[in-house]
C-alpha atoms as a PDB file:
ATOM      1  CA  MET A   1      95.759 156.893 -68.628  1.00  0.00           C
ATOM      2  CA  ALA A   2      93.511 154.095 -67.462  1.00  0.00           C
ATOM      3  CA  VAL A   3      90.472 155.791 -68.996  1.00  0.00           C
ATOM      4  CA  LYS A   4      92.253 156.303 -72.267  1.00  0.00           C
ATOM      5  CA  GLY A   5      93.479 152.673 -72.221  1.00  0.00           C
ATOM      6  CA  PHE A   6      89.943 151.390 -71.547  1.00  0.00           C
ATOM      7  CA  ALA A   7      88.530 153.476 -74.368  1.00  0.00           C
ATOM      8  CA  LYS A   8      91.116 152.038 -76.666  1.00  0.00           C
ATOM      9  CA  PHE A   9      90.216 148.492 -75.479  1.00  0.00           C
ATOM     10  CA  VAL A  10      86.466 149.132 -76.114  1.00  0.00           C
ATOM     11  CA  ALA A  11      87.252 150.602 -79.552  1.00  0.00           C
ATOM     12  CA  LYS A  12      89.229 147.542 -80.517  1.00  0.00           C
ATOM     13  CA  ARG A  13      86.540 145.198 -79.394  1.00  0.00           C
ATOM     14  CA  VAL A  14      83.834 147.142 -81.310  1.00  0.00           C
ATOM     15  CA  LEU A  15      85.966 147.064 -84.454  1.00  0.00           C
ATOM     16  CA  THR A  16      86.703 143.323 -84.082  1.00  0.00           C
ATOM     17  CA  ILE A  17      83.036 142.400 -83.465  1.00  0.00           C
ATOM     18  CA  PHE A  18      81.859 144.568 -86.399  1.00  0.00           C
ATOM     19  CA  LEU A  19      84.322 142.952 -88.748  1.00  0.00           C
ATOM     20  CA  VAL A  20      83.223 139.501 -87.586  1.00  0.00           C
ATOM     21  CA  ILE A  21      79.518 140.495 -88.173  1.00  0.00           C
ATOM     22  CA  VAL A  22      80.343 141.800 -91.692  1.00  0.00           C
ATOM     23  CA  ILE A  23      82.259 138.607 -92.562  1.00  0.00           C
ATOM     24  CA  ALA A  24      79.529 136.361 -91.085  1.00  0.00           C
ATOM     25  CA  LEU A  25      76.744 138.231 -92.926  1.00  0.00           C
ATOM     26  CA  TYR A  26      78.544 138.115 -96.300  1.00  0.00           C
ATOM     27  CA  VAL A  27      79.194 134.387 -95.902  1.00  0.00           C
ATOM     28  CA  THR A  28      75.528 133.901 -95.001  1.00  0.00           C
ATOM     29  CA  ILE A  29      74.445 135.863 -98.115  1.00  0.00           C
ATOM     30  CA  PHE A  30      76.749 133.804-100.276  1.00  0.00           C
ATOM     31  CA  ILE A  31      75.523 130.475 -98.788  1.00  0.00           C
ATOM     32  CA  ALA A  32      71.818 131.488 -98.756  1.00  0.00           C
ATOM     33  CA  ASN A  33      72.074 132.250-102.458  1.00  0.00           C
ATOM     34  CA  MET A  34      74.311 129.292-103.147  1.00  0.00           C
ATOM     35  CA  GLY A  35      76.798 131.498-104.864  1.00  0.00           C
ATOM     36  CA  GLY A  36      74.118 132.715-107.204  1.00  0.00           C
ATOM     37  CA  VAL A  37      72.395 129.331-107.879  1.00  0.00           C
ATOM     38  CA  VAL A  38      69.203 130.355-106.077  1.00  0.00           C
ATOM     39  CA  ASP A  39      69.031 133.523-108.235  1.00  0.00           C
ATOM     40  CA  GLU A  40      69.169 131.269-111.337  1.00  0.00           C
ATOM     41  CA  ILE A  41      66.272 129.235-109.854  1.00  0.00           C
ATOM     42  CA  VAL A  42      64.310 132.497-109.224  1.00  0.00           C
ATOM     43  CA  LYS A  43      65.051 133.662-112.767  1.00  0.00           C
ATOM     44  CA  SER A  44      63.627 130.389-114.184  1.00  0.00           C
ATOM     45  CA  THR A  45      60.528 130.764-112.048  1.00  0.00           C
ATOM     46  CA  ILE A  46      60.041 134.316-113.274  1.00  0.00           C
ATOM     47  CA  LYS A  47      60.450 133.212-116.887  1.00  0.00           C
ATOM     48  CA  MET A  48      57.836 130.528-116.340  1.00  0.00           C
ATOM     49  CA  GLU A  49      55.436 132.935-114.650  1.00  0.00           C
ATOM     50  CA  VAL A  50      55.777 135.495-117.512  1.00  0.00           C
ATOM     51  CA  ALA A  51      55.264 132.758-120.119  1.00  0.00           C
ATOM     52  CA  MET A  52      52.065 131.680-118.296  1.00  0.00           C
ATOM     53  CA  ARG A  53      50.791 135.207-118.368  1.00  0.00           C
ATOM     54  CA  PHE A  54      51.185 135.421-122.115  1.00  0.00           C
ATOM     55  CA  ARG A  55      49.294 132.230-122.802  1.00  0.00           C
ATOM     56  CA  GLY A  56      45.919 133.881-122.231  1.00  0.00           C
ATOM     57  CA  PRO A  57      43.510 134.329-125.130  1.00  0.00           C
ATOM     58  CA  GLU A  58      44.058 138.102-125.124  1.00  0.00           C
ATOM     59  CA  TRP A  59      47.672 137.639-126.253  1.00  0.00           C
ATOM     60  CA  GLN A  60      46.798 135.229-129.123  1.00  0.00           C
ATOM     61  CA  ARG A  61      46.003 137.990-131.569  1.00  0.00           C
ATOM     62  CA  TYR A  62      49.673 139.126-131.489  1.00  0.00           C
ATOM     63  CA  ASP A  63      52.229 137.872-133.916  1.00  0.00           C
ATOM     64  CA  PRO A  64      54.479 135.168-132.329  1.00  0.00           C
ATOM     65  CA  GLU A  65      57.514 137.417-132.843  1.00  0.00           C
ATOM     66  CA  GLU A  66      55.788 140.359-131.216  1.00  0.00           C
ATOM     67  CA  ARG A  67      54.449 138.326-128.379  1.00  0.00           C
ATOM     68  CA  GLU A  68      57.964 136.911-127.753  1.00  0.00           C
ATOM     69  CA  LYS A  69      59.371 140.494-127.762  1.00  0.00           C
ATOM     70  CA  LEU A  70      56.756 141.600-125.233  1.00  0.00           C
ATOM     71  CA  MET A  71      57.492 138.527-123.086  1.00  0.00           C
ATOM     72  CA  LEU A  72      61.181 139.330-123.093  1.00  0.00           C
ATOM     73  CA  GLN A  73      60.467 142.984-122.129  1.00  0.00           C
ATOM     74  CA  GLU A  74      58.190 141.849-119.270  1.00  0.00           C
ATOM     75  CA  TYR A  75      60.816 139.360-118.135  1.00  0.00           C
ATOM     76  CA  GLU A  76      63.596 142.005-118.115  1.00  0.00           C
ATOM     77  CA  LEU A  77      61.392 144.453-116.217  1.00  0.00           C
ATOM     78  CA  GLU A  78      60.635 141.763-113.597  1.00  0.00           C
ATOM     79  CA  LEU A  79      64.352 141.067-113.217  1.00  0.00           C
ATOM     80  CA  ALA A  80      65.103 144.791-112.831  1.00  0.00           C
ATOM     81  CA  ARG A  81      62.302 145.114-110.250  1.00  0.00           C
ATOM     82  CA  ARG A  82      63.839 142.322-108.095  1.00  0.00           C
ATOM     83  CA  GLY A  83      67.426 143.521-108.714  1.00  0.00           C
ATOM     84  CA  LEU A  84      68.362 140.328-110.572  1.00  0.00           C
ATOM     85  CA  ASN A  85      69.698 142.120-113.638  1.00  0.00           C
ATOM     86  CA  GLN A  86      73.068 142.686-112.006  1.00  0.00           C
ATOM     87  CA  PRO A  87      75.964 140.214-111.471  1.00  0.00           C
ATOM     88  CA  PHE A  88      75.652 138.273-108.250  1.00  0.00           C
ATOM     89  CA  LEU A  89      78.908 139.744-106.750  1.00  0.00           C
ATOM     90  CA  ILE A  90      77.606 143.255-107.141  1.00  0.00           C
ATOM     91  CA  ARG A  91      74.238 142.326-105.697  1.00  0.00           C
ATOM     92  CA  SER A  92      75.907 140.491-102.788  1.00  0.00           C
ATOM     93  CA  VAL A  93      77.646 143.760-101.785  1.00  0.00           C
ATOM     94  CA  ILE A  94      74.292 145.598-102.011  1.00  0.00           C
ATOM     95  CA  TYR A  95      72.577 142.837 -99.944  1.00  0.00           C
ATOM     96  CA  LEU A  96      75.450 143.214 -97.374  1.00  0.00           C
ATOM     97  CA  TRP A  97      74.991 146.982 -97.111  1.00  0.00           C
ATOM     98  CA  ASN A  98      71.224 146.560 -96.767  1.00  0.00           C
ATOM     99  CA  ALA A  99      71.693 143.972 -94.117  1.00  0.00           C
ATOM    100  CA  LEU A 100      74.131 146.150 -92.104  1.00  0.00           C
ATOM    101  CA  THR A 101      71.645 149.070 -92.261  1.00  0.00           C
ATOM    102  CA  LEU A 102      68.746 146.727 -91.311  1.00  0.00           C
ATOM    103  CA  ASP A 103      66.999 147.299 -94.626  1.00  0.00           C
ATOM    104  CA  LEU A 104      65.878 143.640 -94.773  1.00  0.00           C
ATOM    105  CA  GLY A 105      63.733 144.102 -97.845  1.00  0.00           C
ATOM    106  CA  ARG A 106      60.788 141.903 -98.972  1.00  0.00           C
ATOM    107  CA  ALA A 107      60.367 138.142 -98.863  1.00  0.00           C
ATOM    108  CA  GLU A 108      59.962 136.245-102.165  1.00  0.00           C
ATOM    109  CA  TYR A 109      57.349 133.773-100.942  1.00  0.00           C
ATOM    110  CA  LEU A 110      56.711 134.077 -97.252  1.00  0.00           C
ATOM    111  CA  THR A 111      54.253 136.547 -95.667  1.00  0.00           C
ATOM    112  CA  SER A 112      53.344 137.482 -92.170  1.00  0.00           C
ATOM    113  CA  ASP A 113      50.026 136.523 -90.665  1.00  0.00           C
ATOM    114  CA  THR A 114      48.745 139.929 -91.655  1.00  0.00           C
ATOM    115  CA  GLY A 115      49.827 139.372 -95.270  1.00  0.00           C
ATOM    116  CA  SER A 116      52.892 141.558 -95.289  1.00  0.00           C
ATOM    117  CA  ARG A 117      55.969 140.582 -97.391  1.00  0.00           C
ATOM    118  CA  TYR A 118      58.398 142.799 -95.488  1.00  0.00           C
ATOM    119  CA  VAL A 119      61.003 140.586 -93.842  1.00  0.00           C
ATOM    120  CA  ARG A 120      61.085 142.897 -90.828  1.00  0.00           C
ATOM    121  CA  ASN A 121      57.383 142.374 -90.164  1.00  0.00           C
ATOM    122  CA  ILE A 122      57.699 138.560 -90.619  1.00  0.00           C
ATOM    123  CA  ILE A 123      60.538 138.360 -88.124  1.00  0.00           C
ATOM    124  CA  LEU A 124      59.006 140.794 -85.600  1.00  0.00           C
ATOM    125  CA  GLU A 125      55.763 138.833 -85.668  1.00  0.00           C
ATOM    126  CA  ARG A 126      57.474 135.474 -84.861  1.00  0.00           C
ATOM    127  CA  LEU A 127      60.286 136.721 -82.574  1.00  0.00           C
ATOM    128  CA  PRO A 128      58.115 137.195 -79.478  1.00  0.00           C
ATOM    129  CA  THR A 129      56.923 133.644 -79.352  1.00  0.00           C
ATOM    130  CA  THR A 130      60.466 132.359 -79.766  1.00  0.00           C
ATOM    131  CA  VAL A 131      61.718 134.670 -77.054  1.00  0.00           C
ATOM    132  CA  MET A 132      58.833 133.729 -74.733  1.00  0.00           C
ATOM    133  CA  LEU A 133      59.490 129.984 -74.995  1.00  0.00           C
ATOM    134  CA  PHE A 134      63.316 129.739 -75.153  1.00  0.00           C
ATOM    135  CA  THR A 135      64.048 132.630 -72.805  1.00  0.00           C
ATOM    136  CA  THR A 136      61.856 130.868 -70.246  1.00  0.00           C
ATOM    137  CA  ALA A 137      63.674 127.581 -70.826  1.00  0.00           C
ATOM    138  CA  THR A 138      67.087 129.168 -70.644  1.00  0.00           C
ATOM    139  CA  VAL A 139      66.268 131.085 -67.383  1.00  0.00           C
ATOM    140  CA  LEU A 140      64.755 127.929 -65.754  1.00  0.00           C
ATOM    141  CA  ASN A 141      67.779 125.928 -66.884  1.00  0.00           C
ATOM    142  CA  PHE A 142      70.170 128.451 -65.388  1.00  0.00           C
ATOM    143  CA  LEU A 143      68.390 128.627 -62.044  1.00  0.00           C
ATOM    144  CA  ILE A 144      68.043 124.841 -61.762  1.00  0.00           C
ATOM    145  CA  ASN A 145      71.621 124.142 -62.831  1.00  0.00           C
ATOM    146  CA  MET A 146      72.925 126.691 -60.414  1.00  0.00           C
ATOM    147  CA  ALA A 147      71.058 125.260 -57.468  1.00  0.00           C
ATOM    148  CA  VAL A 148      71.782 121.655 -58.198  1.00  0.00           C
ATOM    149  CA  GLY A 149      75.397 122.371 -59.218  1.00  0.00           C
ATOM    150  CA  LEU A 150      76.035 124.115 -55.856  1.00  0.00           C
ATOM    151  CA  TYR A 151      74.496 121.256 -54.009  1.00  0.00           C
ATOM    152  CA  LEU A 152      76.575 118.645 -55.855  1.00  0.00           C
ATOM    153  CA  SER A 153      79.743 120.694 -55.179  1.00  0.00           C
ATOM    154  CA  ARG A 154      79.009 120.492 -51.424  1.00  0.00           C
ATOM    155  CA  HIS A 155      78.569 116.625 -51.745  1.00  0.00           C
ATOM    156  CA  HIS A 156      81.151 115.840 -54.331  1.00  0.00           C
ATOM    157  CA  GLY A 157      82.145 112.185 -54.373  1.00  0.00           C
ATOM    158  CA  SER A 158      78.658 111.107 -53.188  1.00  0.00           C
ATOM    159  CA  LYS A 159      76.428 108.572 -55.032  1.00  0.00           C
ATOM    160  CA  LEU A 160      74.284 111.401 -56.349  1.00  0.00           C
ATOM    161  CA  ASP A 161      77.316 113.335 -57.639  1.00  0.00           C
ATOM    162  CA  LYS A 162      78.586 110.128 -59.420  1.00  0.00           C
ATOM    163  CA  PHE A 163      75.106 109.643 -60.858  1.00  0.00           C
ATOM    164  CA  PHE A 164      75.128 113.147 -62.432  1.00  0.00           C
ATOM    165  CA  ILE A 165      78.641 112.598 -63.742  1.00  0.00           C
ATOM    166  CA  GLY A 166      77.520 109.361 -65.410  1.00  0.00           C
ATOM    167  CA  MET A 167      74.362 110.957 -66.811  1.00  0.00           C
ATOM    168  CA  ALA A 168      76.098 114.172 -68.217  1.00  0.00           C
ATOM    169  CA  PRO A 169      76.775 112.592 -71.673  1.00  0.00           C
ATOM    170  CA  THR A 170      72.939 112.142 -72.130  1.00  0.00           C
ATOM    171  CA  SER A 171      72.811 115.871 -72.783  1.00  0.00           C
ATOM    172  CA  VAL A 172      74.198 115.306 -76.292  1.00  0.00           C
ATOM    173  CA  ILE A 173      70.693 114.122 -77.121  1.00  0.00           C
ATOM    174  CA  PRO A 174      68.783 117.151 -78.538  1.00  0.00           C
ATOM    175  CA  GLY A 175      65.651 118.519 -76.906  1.00  0.00           C
ATOM    176  CA  TRP A 176      63.426 117.688 -79.820  1.00  0.00           C
ATOM    177  CA  PHE A 177      64.272 113.939 -79.361  1.00  0.00           C
ATOM    178  CA  TYR A 178      62.957 114.050 -75.811  1.00  0.00           C
ATOM    179  CA  GLY A 179      60.014 116.131 -77.139  1.00  0.00           C
ATOM    180  CA  ILE A 180      58.808 113.306 -79.351  1.00  0.00           C
ATOM    181  CA  PHE A 181      58.634 110.934 -76.355  1.00  0.00           C
ATOM    182  CA  LEU A 182      56.891 113.556 -74.220  1.00  0.00           C
ATOM    183  CA  ILE A 183      54.307 114.042 -77.000  1.00  0.00           C
ATOM    184  CA  LEU A 184      53.779 110.242 -77.203  1.00  0.00           C
ATOM    185  CA  ILE A 185      53.300 109.944 -73.439  1.00  0.00           C
ATOM    186  CA  PHE A 186      51.407 113.099 -72.409  1.00  0.00           C
ATOM    187  CA  ALA A 187      49.614 114.002 -75.552  1.00  0.00           C
ATOM    188  CA  SER A 188      48.990 110.749 -77.401  1.00  0.00           C
ATOM    189  CA  GLN A 189      48.538 108.275 -74.518  1.00  0.00           C
ATOM    190  CA  LEU A 190      47.539 110.330 -71.412  1.00  0.00           C
ATOM    191  CA  HIS A 191      45.725 113.102 -73.344  1.00  0.00           C
ATOM    192  CA  ILE A 192      46.494 115.644 -70.641  1.00  0.00           C
ATOM    193  CA  LEU A 193      48.628 118.040 -72.667  1.00  0.00           C
ATOM    194  CA  PRO A 194      48.375 119.373 -76.295  1.00  0.00           C
ATOM    195  CA  TYR A 195      50.428 118.009 -79.141  1.00  0.00           C
ATOM    196  CA  GLY A 196      51.725 121.409 -79.988  1.00  0.00           C
ATOM    197  CA  GLY A 197      50.834 124.840 -81.296  1.00  0.00           C
ATOM    198  CA  LEU A 198      50.553 128.146 -79.415  1.00  0.00           C
ATOM    199  CA  VAL A 199      46.868 128.203 -78.377  1.00  0.00           C
ATOM    200  CA  ASP A 200      43.678 126.351 -79.143  1.00  0.00           C
ATOM    201  CA  VAL A 201      41.277 127.953 -81.668  1.00  0.00           C
ATOM    202  CA  GLU A 202      38.383 127.673 -79.170  1.00  0.00           C
ATOM    203  CA  ILE A 203      40.261 129.762 -76.631  1.00  0.00           C
ATOM    204  CA  VAL A 204      41.054 132.470 -79.150  1.00  0.00           C
ATOM    205  CA  LYS A 205      37.352 132.722 -79.957  1.00  0.00           C
ATOM    206  CA  THR A 206      36.509 133.478 -76.323  1.00  0.00           C
ATOM    207  CA  ARG A 207      38.623 136.643 -76.423  1.00  0.00           C
ATOM    208  CA  ASP A 208      39.403 136.071 -72.700  1.00  0.00           C
ATOM    209  CA  PRO A 209      42.968 137.263 -71.926  1.00  0.00           C
ATOM    210  CA  PHE A 210      43.260 135.051 -68.810  1.00  0.00           C
ATOM    211  CA  LEU A 211      42.127 131.886 -70.587  1.00  0.00           C
ATOM    212  CA  TYR A 212      44.437 132.759 -73.489  1.00  0.00           C
ATOM    213  CA  ALA A 213      47.437 133.155 -71.174  1.00  0.00           C
ATOM    214  CA  MET A 214      46.698 129.946 -69.328  1.00  0.00           C
ATOM    215  CA  ASP A 215      46.331 128.006 -72.624  1.00  0.00           C
ATOM    216  CA  VAL A 216      49.631 129.405 -73.909  1.00  0.00           C
ATOM    217  CA  LEU A 217      51.298 128.233 -70.597  1.00  0.00           C
ATOM    218  CA  LYS A 218      49.689 124.754 -71.156  1.00  0.00           C
ATOM    219  CA  HIS A 219      51.093 124.564 -74.687  1.00  0.00           C
ATOM    220  CA  MET A 220      54.601 125.629 -73.392  1.00  0.00           C
ATOM    221  CA  ILE A 221      54.874 122.742 -70.873  1.00  0.00           C
ATOM    222  CA  LEU A 222      56.104 120.024 -73.312  1.00  0.00           C
ATOM    223  CA  PRO A 223      58.561 122.094 -75.298  1.00  0.00           C
ATOM    224  CA  LEU A 224      59.950 123.660 -72.116  1.00  0.00           C
ATOM    225  CA  SER A 225      60.321 120.228 -70.520  1.00  0.00           C
ATOM    226  CA  SER A 226      62.156 118.852 -73.536  1.00  0.00           C
ATOM    227  CA  TRP A 227      64.702 121.614 -73.435  1.00  0.00           C
ATOM    228  CA  ILE A 228      65.169 121.432 -69.621  1.00  0.00           C
ATOM    229  CA  ILE A 229      65.611 117.618 -69.716  1.00  0.00           C
ATOM    230  CA  SER A 230      68.105 117.860 -72.564  1.00  0.00           C
ATOM    231  CA  ALA A 231      70.375 120.346 -70.803  1.00  0.00           C
ATOM    232  CA  PHE A 232      69.803 119.280 -67.183  1.00  0.00           C
ATOM    233  CA  PHE A 233      72.622 116.828 -66.381  1.00  0.00           C
ATOM    234  CA  LEU A 234      75.381 118.560 -68.319  1.00  0.00           C
ATOM    235  CA  GLY A 235      74.418 121.951 -67.029  1.00  0.00           C
ATOM    236  CA  CYS A 236      74.406 120.757 -63.382  1.00  0.00           C
ATOM    237  CA  TYR A 237      77.734 118.903 -63.939  1.00  0.00           C
ATOM    238  CA  SER A 238      79.347 121.989 -65.517  1.00  0.00           C
ATOM    239  CA  ASN A 239      78.252 124.291 -62.693  1.00  0.00           C
ATOM    240  CA  ARG A 240      79.344 121.737 -60.115  1.00  0.00           C
ATOM    241  CA  THR A 241      82.813 121.608 -61.724  1.00  0.00           C
ATOM    242  CA  PHE A 242      83.137 125.484 -61.760  1.00  0.00           C
ATOM    243  CA  PHE A 243      82.273 125.593 -58.047  1.00  0.00           C
ATOM    244  CA  LEU A 244      84.676 122.763 -57.200  1.00  0.00           C
ATOM    245  CA  ILE A 245      87.534 124.481 -59.118  1.00  0.00           C
ATOM    246  CA  PHE A 246      87.074 127.711 -57.174  1.00  0.00           C
ATOM    247  CA  SER A 247      86.600 125.843 -53.851  1.00  0.00           C
ATOM    248  CA  THR A 248      90.203 124.532 -54.056  1.00  0.00           C
ATOM    249  CA  GLU A 249      91.723 128.034 -54.538  1.00  0.00           C
ATOM    250  CA  ASP A 250      94.313 129.143 -51.963  1.00  0.00           C
ATOM    251  CA  TYR A 251      92.224 132.144 -50.785  1.00  0.00           C
ATOM    252  CA  VAL A 252      89.355 129.656 -50.021  1.00  0.00           C
ATOM    253  CA  GLU A 253      91.629 127.443 -48.024  1.00  0.00           C
ATOM    254  CA  ALA A 254      92.958 130.500 -46.222  1.00  0.00           C
ATOM    255  CA  ALA A 255      89.341 131.596 -45.315  1.00  0.00           C
ATOM    256  CA  ARG A 256      88.655 128.142 -43.984  1.00  0.00           C
ATOM    257  CA  ALA A 257      91.806 128.304 -41.931  1.00  0.00           C
ATOM    258  CA  LYS A 258      90.675 131.604 -40.488  1.00  0.00           C
ATOM    259  CA  GLY A 259      87.386 130.054 -39.356  1.00  0.00           C
ATOM    260  CA  VAL A 260      85.114 131.930 -41.891  1.00  0.00           C
ATOM    261  CA  PRO A 261      81.605 130.321 -41.749  1.00  0.00           C
ATOM    262  CA  PRO A 262      80.927 127.831 -44.558  1.00  0.00           C
ATOM    263  CA  ARG A 263      77.930 129.804 -45.850  1.00  0.00           C
ATOM    264  CA  GLN A 264      80.052 132.912 -46.276  1.00  0.00           C
ATOM    265  CA  ILE A 265      82.833 130.945 -47.954  1.00  0.00           C
ATOM    266  CA  GLU A 266      80.271 129.525 -50.377  1.00  0.00           C
ATOM    267  CA  THR A 267      78.705 132.902 -51.294  1.00  0.00           C
ATOM    268  CA  LYS A 268      81.773 135.276 -51.105  1.00  0.00           C
ATOM    269  CA  TYR A 269      84.742 133.098 -51.961  1.00  0.00           C
ATOM    270  CA  ILE A 270      83.227 130.409 -54.292  1.00  0.00           C
ATOM    271  CA  LEU A 271      79.952 131.546 -55.842  1.00  0.00           C
ATOM    272  CA  ARG A 272      80.939 135.137 -56.656  1.00  0.00           C
ATOM    273  CA  PRO A 273      84.221 134.406 -58.426  1.00  0.00           C
ATOM    274  CA  SER A 274      82.720 131.601 -60.429  1.00  0.00           C
ATOM    275  CA  LEU A 275      79.802 133.747 -61.686  1.00  0.00           C
ATOM    276  CA  PRO A 276      81.496 135.535 -64.634  1.00  0.00           C
ATOM    277  CA  PRO A 277      82.035 132.398 -66.768  1.00  0.00           C
ATOM    278  CA  ILE A 278      78.619 131.077 -65.765  1.00  0.00           C
ATOM    279  CA  ILE A 279      76.873 134.426 -66.611  1.00  0.00           C
ATOM    280  CA  THR A 280      78.712 134.445 -69.932  1.00  0.00           C
ATOM    281  CA  GLY A 281      77.463 130.998 -70.815  1.00  0.00           C
ATOM    282  CA  PHE A 282      73.888 132.071 -69.767  1.00  0.00           C
ATOM    283  CA  ALA A 283      73.968 135.273 -71.792  1.00  0.00           C
ATOM    284  CA  LEU A 284      75.319 133.644 -74.985  1.00  0.00           C
ATOM    285  CA  GLY A 285      72.893 130.672 -74.515  1.00  0.00           C
ATOM    286  CA  LEU A 286      70.016 133.103 -74.126  1.00  0.00           C
ATOM    287  CA  ILE A 287      70.917 134.980 -77.347  1.00  0.00           C
ATOM    288  CA  ASN A 288      71.481 131.705 -79.176  1.00  0.00           C
ATOM    289  CA  SER A 289      68.047 130.497 -78.103  1.00  0.00           C
ATOM    290  CA  TRP A 290      66.430 133.517 -79.686  1.00  0.00           C
ATOM    291  CA  SER A 291      67.575 132.338 -83.179  1.00  0.00           C
ATOM    292  CA  GLY A 292      64.910 129.556 -82.665  1.00  0.00           C
ATOM    293  CA  ALA A 293      65.447 125.890 -82.452  1.00  0.00           C
ATOM    294  CA  ILE A 294      64.225 124.798 -85.902  1.00  0.00           C
ATOM    295  CA  ILE A 295      63.566 121.113 -85.218  1.00  0.00           C
ATOM    296  CA  THR A 296      62.072 121.766 -81.780  1.00  0.00           C
ATOM    297  CA  GLU A 297      59.636 124.342 -83.123  1.00  0.00           C
ATOM    298  CA  ARG A 298      58.693 121.925 -85.958  1.00  0.00           C
ATOM    299  CA  VAL A 299      58.132 119.103 -83.624  1.00  0.00           C
ATOM    300  CA  PHE A 300      55.765 121.213 -81.433  1.00  0.00           C
ATOM    301  CA  ASN A 301      54.374 123.247 -84.298  1.00  0.00           C
ATOM    302  CA  TRP A 302      55.513 126.342 -82.417  1.00  0.00           C
ATOM    303  CA  PRO A 303      55.086 129.519 -84.520  1.00  0.00           C
ATOM    304  CA  GLY A 304      58.378 131.101 -83.949  1.00  0.00           C
ATOM    305  CA  LEU A 305      61.555 132.051 -85.816  1.00  0.00           C
ATOM    306  CA  GLY A 306      62.617 128.396 -86.178  1.00  0.00           C
ATOM    307  CA  THR A 307      59.450 127.572 -88.130  1.00  0.00           C
ATOM    308  CA  VAL A 308      59.935 130.586 -90.262  1.00  0.00           C
ATOM    309  CA  THR A 309      63.561 129.627 -90.989  1.00  0.00           C
ATOM    310  CA  TYR A 310      62.453 126.107 -91.894  1.00  0.00           C
ATOM    311  CA  ALA A 311      59.859 127.434 -94.318  1.00  0.00           C
ATOM    312  CA  ALA A 312      62.437 129.841 -95.818  1.00  0.00           C
ATOM    313  CA  ILE A 313      64.868 127.001 -96.436  1.00  0.00           C
ATOM    314  CA  ASN A 314      62.259 124.892 -98.162  1.00  0.00           C
ATOM    315  CA  LEU A 315      61.178 127.768-100.387  1.00  0.00           C
ATOM    316  CA  PHE A 316      64.648 129.209-101.046  1.00  0.00           C
ATOM    317  CA  ASP A 317      63.515 132.495 -99.572  1.00  0.00           C
ATOM    318  CA  SER A 318      67.014 133.893 -99.040  1.00  0.00           C
ATOM    319  CA  ALA A 319      65.738 137.327 -97.971  1.00  0.00           C
ATOM    320  CA  VAL A 320      64.107 135.821 -94.827  1.00  0.00           C
ATOM    321  CA  LEU A 321      67.158 133.702 -94.011  1.00  0.00           C
ATOM    322  CA  ILE A 322      69.493 136.671 -94.342  1.00  0.00           C
ATOM    323  CA  GLY A 323      67.044 138.737 -92.203  1.00  0.00           C
ATOM    324  CA  VAL A 324      66.978 136.137 -89.402  1.00  0.00           C
ATOM    325  CA  THR A 325      70.811 135.924 -89.468  1.00  0.00           C
ATOM    326  CA  VAL A 326      71.216 139.694 -89.383  1.00  0.00           C
ATOM    327  CA  ILE A 327      69.035 140.064 -86.267  1.00  0.00           C
ATOM    328  CA  TYR A 328      70.840 137.237 -84.601  1.00  0.00           C
ATOM    329  CA  ALA A 329      74.267 138.573 -85.507  1.00  0.00           C
ATOM    330  CA  TYR A 330      73.461 142.017 -84.071  1.00  0.00           C
ATOM    331  CA  LEU A 331      72.064 140.562 -80.851  1.00  0.00           C
ATOM    332  CA  LEU A 332      75.050 138.277 -80.430  1.00  0.00           C
ATOM    333  CA  GLY A 333      77.572 141.050 -81.214  1.00  0.00           C
ATOM    334  CA  ALA A 334      75.909 143.464 -78.760  1.00  0.00           C
ATOM    335  CA  THR A 335      75.907 140.717 -76.085  1.00  0.00           C
ATOM    336  CA  VAL A 336      79.566 139.869 -76.577  1.00  0.00           C
ATOM    337  CA  LEU A 337      80.485 143.574 -76.478  1.00  0.00           C
ATOM    338  CA  ILE A 338      78.547 144.145 -73.232  1.00  0.00           C
ATOM    339  CA  LEU A 339      80.225 141.128 -71.619  1.00  0.00           C
ATOM    340  CA  ASP A 340      83.605 142.340 -72.781  1.00  0.00           C
ATOM    341  CA  ILE A 341      83.037 145.857 -71.305  1.00  0.00           C
ATOM    342  CA  LEU A 342      81.798 144.419 -68.015  1.00  0.00           C
ATOM    343  CA  TYR A 343      84.885 142.060 -67.887  1.00  0.00           C
ATOM    344  CA  GLY A 344      87.080 145.037 -68.666  1.00  0.00           C
ATOM    345  CA  LEU A 345      85.638 146.874 -65.686  1.00  0.00           C
ATOM    346  CA  ILE A 346      85.726 144.029 -63.078  1.00  0.00           C
ATOM    347  CA  ASP A 347      88.562 141.776 -64.202  1.00  0.00           C
ATOM    348  CA  PRO A 348      91.977 142.949 -62.823  1.00  0.00           C
ATOM    349  CA  ARG A 349      93.862 141.063 -65.466  1.00  0.00           C
ATOM    350  CA  ILE A 350      92.176 142.980 -68.243  1.00  0.00           C
ATOM    351  CA  LYS A 351      92.626 146.207 -66.373  1.00  0.00           C
ATOM    352  CA  VAL A 352      96.377 145.561 -66.343  1.00  0.00           C
ATOM    353  CA  GLN A 353      96.368 145.014 -70.056  1.00  0.00           C
ATOM    354  CA  TYR A 354      94.602 148.176 -71.015  1.00  0.00           C
ATOM    355  CA  GLY A 355      96.297 150.224 -68.310  1.00  0.00           C
ATOM    356  CA  ARG A 356      99.775 149.699 -69.748  1.00  0.00           C
END
C-alpha cells in the first residue's frame, strides 16, 4: 500500500512539474517573440536583405516587373525556410514541441566560437564557464554560511550576532554592484587582479595547462568575491535563524535535560533536522546560478550563458533565449522532482499523506 501510494505521489509530482515546464516554456516563447512582433521585425530584415541582393548590376537587365516578381519569390522562399510563412500561434506550438524535445534549432544571428549557428552548440560552449564560476560561488557561500550560521546560533544575542542581524539587509545589493568597486580597487588602483575575462591571451599562447588553470583561477577571484560578499550576511543570518528555531524544539530541551553532550545535541538534534530546508535552498540556488547572472557576467566580461543571453536580447535572437530557458527549465524541474522524492522518502508527514 505504501509503495503504491508513493508511486502515485511521484506520478503526481512528475505531471505537475511537466505542466509547469510546458506553461513556462510557452510563456517564454510568447514573450521572446513579443507575441509575433519580433517575427515582423525579422520579416522586414529579410525583405531588406532580399532587396539588397537584387540591386546588383546582374539584375538590372531584367524588367522591373520581372525583377519584382523574382524578389517576391525569393522573399517567400526565405520565409518558408525560416518557418515564418505560418501564423504565429501555429508556429508557437511548433516551437513549444521542439523545445520540449530539445530540438533547439538554429540561431538567427549568434554563433559559437567555432562558427556554429546551432543553439545547442552555442549553449554547450558557454555553459561550462558559467557552471564553473557560479557553482564554485554557490558551494563556497553554502559552506561559509553554514559554519558562520552555526557559530552565531551558539552565541545568539552577542555583539557579533547583532552585527550580522544589522548587516543582513545589505544583501539586497546585487553582486555586480560590489563587483564594480572590487574592479576599481584591485584592478584599476592596485593592479593586482585582472579587470575581467576568462584568461589572458598570452597564457593561451603558451599552451601550458597549469598556467592556463592558474590564470583562470586568478580571473575568477573578483566575480567570486562579489557574489560571496553579496550573499554573505543574509545567508549567515538565515542559517543562524534555522539553527535557533530547531534548538528550541521540545526534543532538544529533553536531550539537554538528559545530559546529552552539547556537541551531540548540535549535530544530531539541531543540525540534522535543519538540513532539509537548507539543502533545498542550496540546490535551487545552484540550479538558478547556472542560468547565468547577466549583469555580473557583463561587468566582468565573463564568457558564460549570461553574456550569451545579453547578446540574444540585444539582437532579438529568440531561438537562443528560448534555448537557454529550456535548459534551465529542465534542470530546475529535475532538481525539484529529486528533492520531492527525497522528502517523500525521509519526511514522515509526507509518508502519512501518500500512505493513506
